[in-house]
């Protein structure tokens, strides 16, 4: 028997957490190109693994996420960053 899911259930079922080794790999490939003028957009911030790593590198980062819980958590962790709804 198939039941309908709410929007929230669908979003939560699709939550994805980036493993640290993947974040490290992507960052190491991008790092040579990051300087004070770099702007990085994270359009699916999620738990913030990529957002945190690139923000800490000195790049100007902005981000958003459709998941209200993720968005609130990241906004609390990084209050002085550019996060948009």
Protein backbone atom coordinates (compact mmCIF):
# COMPACT_ATOMS: atom_id res chain seq x y z
CA UNK A 1 0.00 0.00 0.00
CA UNK A 2 1.49 3.30 -1.11
CA UNK A 3 0.88 6.42 0.97
CA UNK A 4 1.38 10.05 0.05
CA UNK A 5 4.27 11.85 1.72
CA UNK A 6 4.19 15.44 2.88
CA UNK A 7 6.64 17.94 1.40
CA UNK A 8 8.61 17.83 4.66
CA UNK A 9 8.89 14.02 4.56
CA UNK A 10 10.13 14.13 0.98
CA UNK A 11 12.74 16.76 1.79
CA UNK A 12 13.97 14.95 4.91
CA UNK A 13 14.19 11.64 3.05
CA UNK A 14 16.48 13.33 0.54
CA UNK A 15 18.87 14.81 3.08
CA UNK A 16 22.44 14.26 2.08
CA UNK A 17 25.52 14.65 4.22
CA UNK A 18 28.79 15.14 2.37
CA UNK A 19 31.49 12.84 3.69
CA UNK A 20 34.62 14.67 4.89
CA UNK A 21 36.90 12.94 2.35
CA UNK A 22 34.74 14.26 -0.50
CA UNK A 23 34.79 17.79 0.91
CA UNK A 24 38.58 17.57 1.28
CA UNK A 25 38.99 16.32 -2.29
CA UNK A 26 36.82 19.04 -3.85
CA UNK A 27 38.47 21.74 -1.73
CA UNK A 28 41.98 20.56 -2.64
CA UNK A 29 41.09 20.76 -6.34
CA UNK A 30 39.59 24.27 -6.00
CA UNK A 31 42.06 25.75 -3.50
CA UNK A 32 44.69 26.89 -6.05
CA UNK A 33 42.03 29.10 -7.67
CA UNK A 34 40.71 30.72 -4.47
CA UNK A 35 41.85 34.22 -3.59
CA UNK A 36 40.40 37.32 -1.90
CA UNK A 37 38.20 38.05 -4.93
CA UNK A 38 36.66 34.58 -5.12
CA UNK A 39 32.90 34.25 -4.66
CA UNK A 40 31.42 30.80 -4.16
CA UNK A 41 27.70 29.98 -4.25
CA UNK A 42 26.40 26.92 -2.44
CA UNK A 43 22.86 26.41 -3.68
CA UNK A 44 22.20 23.38 -1.51
CA UNK A 45 24.02 24.19 1.72
CA UNK A 46 22.59 21.18 3.55
CA UNK A 47 24.55 20.47 6.71
CA UNK A 48 27.17 22.99 5.61
CA UNK A 49 30.27 20.88 5.00
CA UNK A 50 31.26 22.60 1.76
CA UNK A 51 29.99 25.98 2.92
CA UNK A 52 32.11 25.81 6.08
CA UNK A 53 35.26 24.67 4.31
CA UNK A 54 35.11 27.33 1.61
CA UNK A 55 34.06 30.09 4.05
CA UNK A 56 37.05 29.31 6.23
CA UNK A 57 39.35 29.57 3.20
CA UNK A 58 38.72 33.29 2.94
CA UNK A 59 36.44 33.11 -0.09
CA UNK A 60 33.22 35.09 0.02
CA UNK A 61 30.46 32.49 0.16
CA UNK A 62 26.73 32.70 -0.19
CA UNK A 63 24.21 29.94 0.10
CA UNK A 64 20.66 28.73 0.42
CA UNK A 65 18.74 25.55 1.13
CA UNK A 66 15.10 24.50 0.79
CA UNK A 67 15.20 22.55 4.06
CA UNK A 68 14.13 24.89 6.87
CA UNK A 69 15.98 22.89 9.51
CA UNK A 70 19.26 22.90 7.61
CA UNK A 71 18.87 26.59 6.80
CA UNK A 72 18.24 27.51 10.46
CA UNK A 73 21.19 25.43 11.66
CA UNK A 74 23.60 27.00 9.16
CA UNK A 75 22.30 30.52 9.82
CA UNK A 76 22.95 29.94 13.54
CA UNK A 77 26.46 28.50 12.92
CA UNK A 78 27.45 31.25 10.49
CA UNK A 79 25.45 34.37 11.44
CA UNK A 80 27.72 36.79 9.57
CA UNK A 81 27.59 35.05 6.21
CA UNK A 82 25.35 35.58 3.20
CA UNK A 83 22.57 33.02 3.49
CA UNK A 84 19.37 33.66 1.59
CA UNK A 85 15.87 32.18 1.66
